[in-house]
Amino acid sequence: MDYVVLAEKVDCVAKSVIKALHKFASPRRVLIIAPPAACKEADLSFAPNIQCVDENSVLPGKVSKKSTQEWLDAKFGKKVEDMRLGLGGHTMAGWYLQQFLKMGVATAAKKLDLSENYVLWDSDMVLLRNYCPHNAQGQVNLMEGDSGKQNVCNIGYQKSFERLTGMKYAYSKAKKQGFTTHHMVINQKIMNRLLETFAPKDSGKHWSTAILEASCPNLETCSCGFSEYGSYASYMKNLYPNQVAEVPLQYERSSNVADPKISCCPEDYPKYFEEKARQRLLFVSFERSCHKDDNYVQTLPR
């Protein structure tokens, strides 16, 4: 099975993530979707079966950071260009583009020789032990997240998904948590059906535009208005419930692991990962927030 990792650059964090995938998940290939300059500069000799894919080749002529930024500028003005959001310090256009690329990989499946089922994996999530995408019955293991219905971002995710599909946004049965869990097992045909649901052929618009229109009624909502993982999980729960099996939360997210005075690389914190492995977590984050951007915005949900 292929693993797909979105990254702005193949830095020490991405390398640690990919090494852990090779150690604990045995991928057929790891596809890194990255800007062309990052692919050109990347040394991929650190692990086998890695391919760096120019992000501009995934949705050519349809979606780019520039086109996404232009849509946001037209809606909210150029003030959004300098904002940095979330623990990863993304621009708003970058955050939406990342989600478009994760979903859009399915539309380029033939060109990329993508496996029928593949795993989207966030580039700052370090796997700690063996990972099985499916259970013994062949169902996808669908992990519940760390926030529920009252979370401001889940409220935004729910509204946009329901606007786009007319379906009910899904929460876990056990704890009523969302499914935005930094990884997802994807079936390429089902993902393409979801994208067609977002923007039917007779709508005259691209599905990425439909997502922006549904997710961005105002700037505050737009900053946390859509979840690619929550949307795909909800689509599966609505239309293919027998193909998924819920599993409990098994990860931890923290922005306080790295000390900039020591290092911003996971490899320099072995004791932290050893301790989290002893706690039987499946994976933990190593957020790229070691050096916070001066334009980071704390007043928006992300």
C-alpha atoms as a PDB file:
ATOM      1  CA  MET A   1       0.000   0.000   0.000  1.00  0.00           C
ATOM      2  CA  ASP A   2       1.255   3.497  -0.845  1.00  0.00           C
ATOM      3  CA  TYR A   3       1.578   6.275   1.714  1.00  0.00           C
ATOM      4  CA  VAL A   4       1.132   9.906   0.657  1.00  0.00           C
ATOM      5  CA  VAL A   5       2.786  12.683   2.671  1.00  0.00           C
ATOM      6  CA  LEU A   6       2.282  16.402   1.991  1.00  0.00           C
ATOM      7  CA  ALA A   7       5.303  18.525   2.887  1.00  0.00           C
ATOM      8  CA  GLU A   8       6.505  22.050   2.146  1.00  0.00           C
ATOM      9  CA  LYS A   9      10.057  20.721   2.283  1.00  0.00           C
ATOM     10  CA  VAL A  10      11.807  17.443   3.000  1.00  0.00           C
ATOM     11  CA  ASP A  11      13.271  18.600   6.296  1.00  0.00           C
ATOM     12  CA  CYS A  12      14.451  16.667   9.353  1.00  0.00           C
ATOM     13  CA  VAL A  13      10.858  16.323  10.593  1.00  0.00           C
ATOM     14  CA  ALA A  14       9.594  14.831   7.318  1.00  0.00           C
ATOM     15  CA  LYS A  15      12.583  12.495   7.191  1.00  0.00           C
ATOM     16  CA  SER A  16      11.906  11.196  10.723  1.00  0.00           C
ATOM     17  CA  VAL A  17       8.229  10.689   9.841  1.00  0.00           C
ATOM     18  CA  ILE A  18       9.073   8.733   6.687  1.00  0.00           C
ATOM     19  CA  LYS A  19      11.728   6.625   8.415  1.00  0.00           C
ATOM     20  CA  ALA A  20       9.122   5.674  11.038  1.00  0.00           C
ATOM     21  CA  LEU A  21       6.611   4.765   8.303  1.00  0.00           C
ATOM     22  CA  HIS A  22       9.171   2.417   6.761  1.00  0.00           C
ATOM     23  CA  LYS A  23       9.945   0.877  10.139  1.00  0.00           C
ATOM     24  CA  PHE A  24       6.371   0.329  11.332  1.00  0.00           C
ATOM     25  CA  ALA A  25       4.050   0.392   8.287  1.00  0.00           C
ATOM     26  CA  SER A  26       5.999  -1.328   5.461  1.00  0.00           C
ATOM     27  CA  PRO A  27       4.746   0.938   2.655  1.00  0.00           C
ATOM     28  CA  ARG A  28       5.051  -0.098  -0.974  1.00  0.00           C
ATOM     29  CA  ARG A  29       6.114   3.490  -1.670  1.00  0.00           C
ATOM     30  CA  VAL A  30       6.057   6.835   0.082  1.00  0.00           C
ATOM     31  CA  LEU A  31       4.975   9.662  -2.211  1.00  0.00           C
ATOM     32  CA  ILE A  32       6.016  13.098  -0.967  1.00  0.00           C
ATOM     33  CA  ILE A  33       3.854  15.819  -2.516  1.00  0.00           C
ATOM     34  CA  ALA A  34       5.895  19.006  -2.326  1.00  0.00           C
ATOM     35  CA  PRO A  35       6.694  22.271  -4.142  1.00  0.00           C
ATOM     36  CA  PRO A  36       8.963  21.739  -7.173  1.00  0.00           C
ATOM     37  CA  ALA A  37      11.925  23.470  -5.505  1.00  0.00           C
ATOM     38  CA  ALA A  38      11.626  21.163  -2.486  1.00  0.00           C
ATOM     39  CA  CYS A  39      11.632  18.078  -4.721  1.00  0.00           C
ATOM     40  CA  LYS A  40      14.634  19.369  -6.635  1.00  0.00           C
ATOM     41  CA  GLU A  41      16.624  20.030  -3.463  1.00  0.00           C
ATOM     42  CA  ALA A  42      15.585  16.878  -1.572  1.00  0.00           C
ATOM     43  CA  ASP A  43      18.070  14.116  -0.858  1.00  0.00           C
ATOM     44  CA  LEU A  44      15.886  10.995  -0.822  1.00  0.00           C
ATOM     45  CA  SER A  45      18.667   8.533  -0.030  1.00  0.00           C
ATOM     46  CA  PHE A  46      17.679   8.386   3.653  1.00  0.00           C
ATOM     47  CA  ALA A  47      15.044   5.661   3.047  1.00  0.00           C
ATOM     48  CA  PRO A  48      14.001   3.325   0.199  1.00  0.00           C
ATOM     49  CA  ASN A  49      11.057   3.580  -2.213  1.00  0.00           C
ATOM     50  CA  ILE A  50      10.489   7.318  -1.926  1.00  0.00           C
ATOM     51  CA  GLN A  51       9.224   9.489  -4.757  1.00  0.00           C
ATOM     52  CA  CYS A  52       8.923  13.269  -4.586  1.00  0.00           C
ATOM     53  CA  VAL A  53       6.027  14.557  -6.680  1.00  0.00           C
ATOM     54  CA  ASP A  54       5.763  18.165  -7.833  1.00  0.00           C
ATOM     55  CA  GLU A  55       2.566  19.481  -6.226  1.00  0.00           C
ATOM     56  CA  ASN A  56       1.802  21.427  -9.416  1.00  0.00           C
ATOM     57  CA  SER A  57       1.416  18.134 -11.312  1.00  0.00           C
ATOM     58  CA  VAL A  58      -1.356  16.813  -9.061  1.00  0.00           C
ATOM     59  CA  LEU A  59      -4.081  19.272 -10.129  1.00  0.00           C
ATOM     60  CA  PRO A  60      -2.445  20.953 -13.150  1.00  0.00           C
ATOM     61  CA  GLY A  61      -4.162  24.045 -14.486  1.00  0.00           C
ATOM     62  CA  LYS A  62      -6.941  23.792 -11.906  1.00  0.00           C
ATOM     63  CA  VAL A  63      -5.692  24.464  -8.401  1.00  0.00           C
ATOM     64  CA  SER A  64      -2.575  26.153  -7.053  1.00  0.00           C
ATOM     65  CA  LYS A  65      -1.542  28.195  -4.062  1.00  0.00           C
ATOM     66  CA  LYS A  66      -1.787  31.280  -6.286  1.00  0.00           C
ATOM     67  CA  SER A  67      -5.366  30.550  -7.411  1.00  0.00           C
ATOM     68  CA  THR A  68      -6.412  29.757  -3.840  1.00  0.00           C
ATOM     69  CA  GLN A  69      -4.817  32.969  -2.577  1.00  0.00           C
ATOM     70  CA  GLU A  70      -6.579  34.965  -5.299  1.00  0.00           C
ATOM     71  CA  TRP A  71      -9.948  33.547  -4.217  1.00  0.00           C
ATOM     72  CA  LEU A  72      -9.245  34.459  -0.579  1.00  0.00           C
ATOM     73  CA  ASP A  73      -8.001  37.941  -1.522  1.00  0.00           C
ATOM     74  CA  ALA A  74     -11.189  38.579  -3.507  1.00  0.00           C
ATOM     75  CA  LYS A  75     -13.291  37.471  -0.537  1.00  0.00           C
ATOM     76  CA  PHE A  76     -11.410  39.011   2.392  1.00  0.00           C
ATOM     77  CA  GLY A  77      -8.796  41.381   0.979  1.00  0.00           C
ATOM     78  CA  LYS A  78      -5.031  41.045   0.945  1.00  0.00           C
ATOM     79  CA  LYS A  79      -4.831  41.072   4.759  1.00  0.00           C
ATOM     80  CA  VAL A  80      -5.052  37.260   4.726  1.00  0.00           C
ATOM     81  CA  GLU A  81      -1.801  36.885   2.784  1.00  0.00           C
ATOM     82  CA  ASP A  82       0.448  37.561   5.787  1.00  0.00           C
ATOM     83  CA  MET A  83      -1.547  35.629   8.380  1.00  0.00           C
ATOM     84  CA  ARG A  84      -0.017  32.436   9.792  1.00  0.00           C
ATOM     85  CA  LEU A  85      -2.418  29.905  11.289  1.00  0.00           C
ATOM     86  CA  GLY A  86      -2.252  26.712  13.348  1.00  0.00           C
ATOM     87  CA  LEU A  87       0.672  24.953  14.979  1.00  0.00           C
ATOM     88  CA  GLY A  88       2.323  24.513  11.589  1.00  0.00           C
ATOM     89  CA  GLY A  89       2.247  28.231  10.831  1.00  0.00           C
ATOM     90  CA  HIS A  90       0.521  27.875   7.440  1.00  0.00           C
ATOM     91  CA  THR A  91      -0.905  30.693   5.378  1.00  0.00           C
ATOM     92  CA  MET A  92      -4.642  30.256   4.896  1.00  0.00           C
ATOM     93  CA  ALA A  93      -4.101  29.578   1.180  1.00  0.00           C
ATOM     94  CA  GLY A  94      -1.431  27.022   2.046  1.00  0.00           C
ATOM     95  CA  TRP A  95      -3.710  25.286   4.542  1.00  0.00           C
ATOM     96  CA  TYR A  96      -6.519  24.917   2.005  1.00  0.00           C
ATOM     97  CA  LEU A  97      -4.145  23.942  -0.802  1.00  0.00           C
ATOM     98  CA  GLN A  98      -2.707  21.185   1.371  1.00  0.00           C
ATOM     99  CA  GLN A  99      -6.191  19.746   1.830  1.00  0.00           C
ATOM    100  CA  PHE A 100      -6.986  20.091  -1.895  1.00  0.00           C
ATOM    101  CA  LEU A 101      -3.802  18.203  -2.761  1.00  0.00           C
ATOM    102  CA  LYS A 102      -4.529  15.433  -0.255  1.00  0.00           C
ATOM    103  CA  MET A 103      -7.953  14.909  -1.769  1.00  0.00           C
ATOM    104  CA  GLY A 104      -6.858  15.596  -5.336  1.00  0.00           C
ATOM    105  CA  VAL A 105      -4.198  12.875  -5.322  1.00  0.00           C
ATOM    106  CA  ALA A 106      -7.063  10.457  -6.064  1.00  0.00           C
ATOM    107  CA  THR A 107      -7.780  12.264  -9.343  1.00  0.00           C
ATOM    108  CA  ALA A 108      -4.154  11.715 -10.397  1.00  0.00           C
ATOM    109  CA  ALA A 109      -4.078   8.077  -9.273  1.00  0.00           C
ATOM    110  CA  LYS A 110      -3.426   6.603 -12.721  1.00  0.00           C
ATOM    111  CA  LYS A 111      -0.604   9.035 -13.489  1.00  0.00           C
ATOM    112  CA  LEU A 112       1.000   8.351 -10.113  1.00  0.00           C
ATOM    113  CA  ASP A 113       0.421   4.556 -10.289  1.00  0.00           C
ATOM    114  CA  LEU A 114      -1.236   4.907  -6.917  1.00  0.00           C
ATOM    115  CA  SER A 115      -2.380   1.791  -5.068  1.00  0.00           C
ATOM    116  CA  GLU A 116      -6.169   1.298  -4.999  1.00  0.00           C
ATOM    117  CA  ASN A 117      -6.141   1.948  -1.271  1.00  0.00           C
ATOM    118  CA  TYR A 118      -3.516   4.276   0.163  1.00  0.00           C
ATOM    119  CA  VAL A 119      -2.824   6.152   3.383  1.00  0.00           C
ATOM    120  CA  LEU A 120      -2.656   9.906   3.742  1.00  0.00           C
ATOM    121  CA  TRP A 121      -0.213  10.690   6.543  1.00  0.00           C
ATOM    122  CA  ASP A 122       0.587  14.115   7.974  1.00  0.00           C
ATOM    123  CA  SER A 123       4.227  15.128   7.665  1.00  0.00           C
ATOM    124  CA  ASP A 124       4.643  15.903  11.373  1.00  0.00           C
ATOM    125  CA  MET A 125       3.212  12.695  12.838  1.00  0.00           C
ATOM    126  CA  VAL A 126       5.835  10.178  13.985  1.00  0.00           C
ATOM    127  CA  LEU A 127       4.711   6.540  14.095  1.00  0.00           C
ATOM    128  CA  LEU A 128       5.818   4.668  17.239  1.00  0.00           C
ATOM    129  CA  ARG A 129       4.722   1.066  16.675  1.00  0.00           C
ATOM    130  CA  ASN A 130       3.305  -1.270  14.045  1.00  0.00           C
ATOM    131  CA  TYR A 131       0.379   0.209  12.150  1.00  0.00           C
ATOM    132  CA  CYS A 132      -2.366  -1.794  10.433  1.00  0.00           C
ATOM    133  CA  PRO A 133      -4.684   0.217   8.148  1.00  0.00           C
ATOM    134  CA  HIS A 134      -7.323  -2.568   8.190  1.00  0.00           C
ATOM    135  CA  ASN A 135      -8.662  -4.941  10.842  1.00  0.00           C
ATOM    136  CA  ALA A 136      -8.911  -8.726  10.517  1.00  0.00           C
ATOM    137  CA  GLN A 137     -12.284  -8.357   8.746  1.00  0.00           C
ATOM    138  CA  GLY A 138     -10.774  -6.094   6.093  1.00  0.00           C
ATOM    139  CA  GLN A 139     -12.466  -2.944   7.414  1.00  0.00           C
ATOM    140  CA  VAL A 140     -10.605   0.360   7.551  1.00  0.00           C
ATOM    141  CA  ASN A 141      -9.545   1.290  11.073  1.00  0.00           C
ATOM    142  CA  LEU A 142     -11.163   4.699  11.558  1.00  0.00           C
ATOM    143  CA  MET A 143      -9.613   6.414  14.558  1.00  0.00           C
ATOM    144  CA  GLU A 144     -11.620   8.874  16.607  1.00  0.00           C
ATOM    145  CA  GLY A 145     -10.069  12.265  17.243  1.00  0.00           C
ATOM    146  CA  ASP A 146      -9.379  14.412  20.270  1.00  0.00           C
ATOM    147  CA  SER A 147     -12.253  16.912  19.960  1.00  0.00           C
ATOM    148  CA  GLY A 148     -16.040  16.713  19.827  1.00  0.00           C
ATOM    149  CA  LYS A 149     -19.136  18.511  18.581  1.00  0.00           C
ATOM    150  CA  GLN A 150     -18.598  21.653  20.631  1.00  0.00           C
ATOM    151  CA  ASN A 151     -15.113  22.296  19.265  1.00  0.00           C
ATOM    152  CA  VAL A 152     -15.142  25.475  17.156  1.00  0.00           C
ATOM    153  CA  CYS A 153     -13.294  23.819  14.282  1.00  0.00           C
ATOM    154  CA  ASN A 154     -15.575  20.774  14.248  1.00  0.00           C
ATOM    155  CA  ILE A 155     -18.540  23.140  14.055  1.00  0.00           C
ATOM    156  CA  GLY A 156     -17.012  24.660  10.916  1.00  0.00           C
ATOM    157  CA  TYR A 157     -16.142  21.256   9.453  1.00  0.00           C
ATOM    158  CA  GLN A 158     -19.667  20.012  10.059  1.00  0.00           C
ATOM    159  CA  LYS A 159     -21.352  23.008   8.445  1.00  0.00           C
ATOM    160  CA  SER A 160     -19.231  22.925   5.296  1.00  0.00           C
ATOM    161  CA  PHE A 161     -19.583  19.157   4.821  1.00  0.00           C
ATOM    162  CA  GLU A 162     -23.348  19.306   5.255  1.00  0.00           C
ATOM    163  CA  ARG A 163     -23.611  22.253   2.841  1.00  0.00           C
ATOM    164  CA  LEU A 164     -21.549  20.385   0.254  1.00  0.00           C
ATOM    165  CA  THR A 165     -23.199  16.970   0.507  1.00  0.00           C
ATOM    166  CA  GLY A 166     -26.536  17.210   2.297  1.00  0.00           C
ATOM    167  CA  MET A 167     -25.263  14.370   4.494  1.00  0.00           C
ATOM    168  CA  LYS A 168     -24.749  14.256   8.236  1.00  0.00           C
ATOM    169  CA  TYR A 169     -21.254  14.968   9.545  1.00  0.00           C
ATOM    170  CA  ALA A 170     -19.967  11.966  11.492  1.00  0.00           C
ATOM    171  CA  TYR A 171     -18.767  11.677  15.063  1.00  0.00           C
ATOM    172  CA  SER A 172     -17.595   8.530  16.828  1.00  0.00           C
ATOM    173  CA  LYS A 173     -20.173   6.362  18.546  1.00  0.00           C
ATOM    174  CA  ALA A 174     -18.091   5.860  21.680  1.00  0.00           C
ATOM    175  CA  LYS A 175     -17.193   9.423  22.669  1.00  0.00           C
ATOM    176  CA  LYS A 176     -18.842  11.602  20.006  1.00  0.00           C
ATOM    177  CA  GLN A 177     -15.468  12.769  18.744  1.00  0.00           C
ATOM    178  CA  GLY A 178     -14.576  13.861  15.218  1.00  0.00           C
ATOM    179  CA  PHE A 179     -12.329  11.945  12.822  1.00  0.00           C
ATOM    180  CA  THR A 180      -9.744  14.600  11.988  1.00  0.00           C
ATOM    181  CA  THR A 181      -6.848  12.429  13.096  1.00  0.00           C
ATOM    182  CA  HIS A 182      -3.870  13.416  10.912  1.00  0.00           C
ATOM    183  CA  HIS A 183      -4.052  10.247   8.812  1.00  0.00           C
ATOM    184  CA  MET A 184      -6.673   8.425   6.775  1.00  0.00           C
ATOM    185  CA  VAL A 185      -6.940   5.254   4.703  1.00  0.00           C
ATOM    186  CA  ILE A 186      -8.327   6.265   1.311  1.00  0.00           C
ATOM    187  CA  ASN A 187      -9.952   4.321  -1.485  1.00  0.00           C
ATOM    188  CA  GLN A 188      -9.233   6.260  -4.662  1.00  0.00           C
ATOM    189  CA  LYS A 189     -12.613   5.503  -6.301  1.00  0.00           C
ATOM    190  CA  ILE A 190     -14.569   6.549  -3.221  1.00  0.00           C
ATOM    191  CA  MET A 191     -12.550   9.745  -2.864  1.00  0.00           C
ATOM    192  CA  ASN A 192     -13.313  10.628  -6.496  1.00  0.00           C
ATOM    193  CA  ARG A 193     -17.023  10.061  -5.840  1.00  0.00           C
ATOM    194  CA  LEU A 194     -16.832  12.411  -2.863  1.00  0.00           C
ATOM    195  CA  LEU A 195     -15.215  15.118  -4.990  1.00  0.00           C
ATOM    196  CA  GLU A 196     -17.946  14.692  -7.613  1.00  0.00           C
ATOM    197  CA  THR A 197     -20.512  15.099  -4.832  1.00  0.00           C
ATOM    198  CA  PHE A 198     -18.914  18.400  -3.809  1.00  0.00           C
ATOM    199  CA  ALA A 199     -19.207  19.737  -7.366  1.00  0.00           C
ATOM    200  CA  PRO A 200     -21.374  17.736  -9.805  1.00  0.00           C
ATOM    201  CA  LYS A 201     -20.397  18.073 -13.463  1.00  0.00           C
ATOM    202  CA  ASP A 202     -23.404  20.264 -14.222  1.00  0.00           C
ATOM    203  CA  SER A 203     -22.409  22.762 -11.491  1.00  0.00           C
ATOM    204  CA  GLY A 204     -19.840  24.405 -13.751  1.00  0.00           C
ATOM    205  CA  LYS A 205     -17.293  24.759 -10.945  1.00  0.00           C
ATOM    206  CA  HIS A 206     -14.273  22.870  -9.654  1.00  0.00           C
ATOM    207  CA  TRP A 207     -14.729  21.008  -6.379  1.00  0.00           C
ATOM    208  CA  SER A 208     -12.017  23.131  -4.722  1.00  0.00           C
ATOM    209  CA  THR A 209     -14.048  26.272  -5.407  1.00  0.00           C
ATOM    210  CA  ALA A 210     -17.146  24.578  -4.012  1.00  0.00           C
ATOM    211  CA  ILE A 211     -15.202  23.814  -0.828  1.00  0.00           C
ATOM    212  CA  LEU A 212     -14.038  27.415  -0.440  1.00  0.00           C
ATOM    213  CA  GLU A 213     -17.550  28.756  -0.996  1.00  0.00           C
ATOM    214  CA  ALA A 214     -19.004  26.376   1.599  1.00  0.00           C
ATOM    215  CA  SER A 215     -16.204  26.888   4.129  1.00  0.00           C
ATOM    216  CA  CYS A 216     -15.635  30.635   4.020  1.00  0.00           C
ATOM    217  CA  PRO A 217     -18.769  32.694   4.773  1.00  0.00           C
ATOM    218  CA  ASN A 218     -16.508  34.882   6.930  1.00  0.00           C
ATOM    219  CA  LEU A 219     -12.824  35.029   7.846  1.00  0.00           C
ATOM    220  CA  GLU A 220     -13.182  33.464  11.290  1.00  0.00           C
ATOM    221  CA  THR A 221     -15.092  30.440   9.958  1.00  0.00           C
ATOM    222  CA  CYS A 222     -12.765  30.150   6.956  1.00  0.00           C
ATOM    223  CA  SER A 223      -9.726  29.799   9.215  1.00  0.00           C
ATOM    224  CA  CYS A 224     -11.125  26.498  10.435  1.00  0.00           C
ATOM    225  CA  GLY A 225     -13.821  25.795   7.872  1.00  0.00           C
ATOM    226  CA  PHE A 226     -13.061  22.433   6.302  1.00  0.00           C
ATOM    227  CA  SER A 227     -11.526  19.059   7.135  1.00  0.00           C
ATOM    228  CA  GLU A 228     -10.432  16.676   4.399  1.00  0.00           C
ATOM    229  CA  TYR A 229     -10.184  13.834   6.919  1.00  0.00           C
ATOM    230  CA  GLY A 230     -13.479  14.577   8.667  1.00  0.00           C
ATOM    231  CA  SER A 231     -15.256  14.907   5.317  1.00  0.00           C
ATOM    232  CA  TYR A 232     -13.945  11.629   3.922  1.00  0.00           C
ATOM    233  CA  ALA A 233     -14.694   9.796   7.184  1.00  0.00           C
ATOM    234  CA  SER A 234     -18.220  11.226   7.217  1.00  0.00           C
ATOM    235  CA  TYR A 235     -18.783  10.187   3.601  1.00  0.00           C
ATOM    236  CA  MET A 236     -17.658   6.648   4.466  1.00  0.00           C
ATOM    237  CA  LYS A 237     -19.857   6.526   7.570  1.00  0.00           C
ATOM    238  CA  ASN A 238     -22.869   7.688   5.559  1.00  0.00           C
ATOM    239  CA  LEU A 239     -22.520   5.545   2.430  1.00  0.00           C
ATOM    240  CA  TYR A 240     -20.098   2.715   3.261  1.00  0.00           C
ATOM    241  CA  PRO A 241     -20.550   2.068   6.998  1.00  0.00           C
ATOM    242  CA  ASN A 242     -19.681  -1.624   6.741  1.00  0.00           C
ATOM    243  CA  GLN A 243     -16.282  -0.799   5.286  1.00  0.00           C
ATOM    244  CA  VAL A 244     -15.049   1.038   8.391  1.00  0.00           C
ATOM    245  CA  ALA A 245     -14.552   0.129  12.035  1.00  0.00           C
ATOM    246  CA  GLU A 246     -14.084   2.767  14.710  1.00  0.00           C
ATOM    247  CA  VAL A 247     -11.004   2.526  16.930  1.00  0.00           C
ATOM    248  CA  PRO A 248     -10.193   4.717  19.950  1.00  0.00           C
ATOM    249  CA  LEU A 249      -7.859   7.697  20.028  1.00  0.00           C
ATOM    250  CA  GLN A 250      -4.232   6.510  19.936  1.00  0.00           C
ATOM    251  CA  TYR A 251      -2.201   9.639  19.288  1.00  0.00           C
ATOM    252  CA  GLU A 252      -1.062  12.747  21.086  1.00  0.00           C
ATOM    253  CA  ARG A 253      -0.485  16.215  19.673  1.00  0.00           C
ATOM    254  CA  SER A 254       1.819  18.704  21.365  1.00  0.00           C
ATOM    255  CA  SER A 255       3.523  21.914  20.287  1.00  0.00           C
ATOM    256  CA  ASN A 256       5.967  21.917  23.189  1.00  0.00           C
ATOM    257  CA  VAL A 257       8.305  19.042  22.369  1.00  0.00           C
ATOM    258  CA  ALA A 258      11.193  20.878  20.747  1.00  0.00           C
ATOM    259  CA  ASP A 259      13.419  23.458  22.386  1.00  0.00           C
ATOM    260  CA  PRO A 260      14.849  25.870  19.772  1.00  0.00           C
ATOM    261  CA  LYS A 261      17.974  26.235  21.920  1.00  0.00           C
ATOM    262  CA  ILE A 262      18.638  22.501  21.508  1.00  0.00           C
ATOM    263  CA  SER A 263      17.175  21.337  18.205  1.00  0.00           C
ATOM    264  CA  CYS A 264      14.075  21.437  16.007  1.00  0.00           C
ATOM    265  CA  CYS A 265      14.582  17.829  14.798  1.00  0.00           C
ATOM    266  CA  PRO A 266      12.822  14.719  16.177  1.00  0.00           C
ATOM    267  CA  GLU A 267      16.012  12.643  16.129  1.00  0.00           C
ATOM    268  CA  ASP A 268      17.383  14.741  18.979  1.00  0.00           C
ATOM    269  CA  TYR A 269      14.569  13.799  21.370  1.00  0.00           C
ATOM    270  CA  PRO A 270      14.774   9.978  21.600  1.00  0.00           C
ATOM    271  CA  LYS A 271      13.684   9.827  25.242  1.00  0.00           C
ATOM    272  CA  TYR A 272      10.437  11.657  24.425  1.00  0.00           C
ATOM    273  CA  PHE A 273       9.489   9.124  21.744  1.00  0.00           C
ATOM    274  CA  GLU A 274      10.543   6.187  23.924  1.00  0.00           C
ATOM    275  CA  GLU A 275       8.268   7.433  26.713  1.00  0.00           C
ATOM    276  CA  LYS A 276       5.310   7.882  24.353  1.00  0.00           C
ATOM    277  CA  ALA A 277       5.877   4.388  22.935  1.00  0.00           C
ATOM    278  CA  ARG A 278       5.773   2.981  26.473  1.00  0.00           C
ATOM    279  CA  GLN A 279       2.388   4.687  26.853  1.00  0.00           C
ATOM    280  CA  ARG A 280       1.249   2.552  23.875  1.00  0.00           C
ATOM    281  CA  LEU A 281       0.445   5.537  21.689  1.00  0.00           C
ATOM    282  CA  LEU A 282       0.417   4.773  17.960  1.00  0.00           C
ATOM    283  CA  PHE A 283       1.916   8.085  16.895  1.00  0.00           C
ATOM    284  CA  VAL A 284       2.734  11.546  18.224  1.00  0.00           C
ATOM    285  CA  SER A 285       3.185  14.924  16.633  1.00  0.00           C
ATOM    286  CA  PHE A 286       6.366  16.864  16.224  1.00  0.00           C
ATOM    287  CA  GLU A 287       4.914  20.200  15.194  1.00  0.00           C
ATOM    288  CA  ARG A 288       6.868  22.622  13.043  1.00  0.00           C
ATOM    289  CA  SER A 289       6.354  25.402  15.587  1.00  0.00           C
ATOM    290  CA  CYS A 290       9.854  25.385  17.008  1.00  0.00           C
ATOM    291  CA  HIS A 291      10.307  28.859  15.539  1.00  0.00           C
ATOM    292  CA  LYS A 292       6.975  30.720  15.614  1.00  0.00           C
ATOM    293  CA  ASP A 293       6.334  33.073  12.691  1.00  0.00           C
ATOM    294  CA  ASP A 294       5.966  36.762  13.623  1.00  0.00           C
ATOM    295  CA  ASN A 295       2.667  36.904  11.694  1.00  0.00           C
ATOM    296  CA  TYR A 296       1.050  34.066  13.679  1.00  0.00           C
ATOM    297  CA  VAL A 297      -2.590  34.935  14.391  1.00  0.00           C
ATOM    298  CA  GLN A 298      -3.973  33.909  17.803  1.00  0.00           C
ATOM    299  CA  THR A 299      -7.401  35.525  17.441  1.00  0.00           C
ATOM    300  CA  LEU A 300      -8.695  33.039  14.837  1.00  0.00           C
ATOM    301  CA  PRO A 301      -9.719  29.433  15.650  1.00  0.00           C
ATOM    302  CA  ARG A 302      -6.601  27.974  14.055  1.00  0.00           C
END
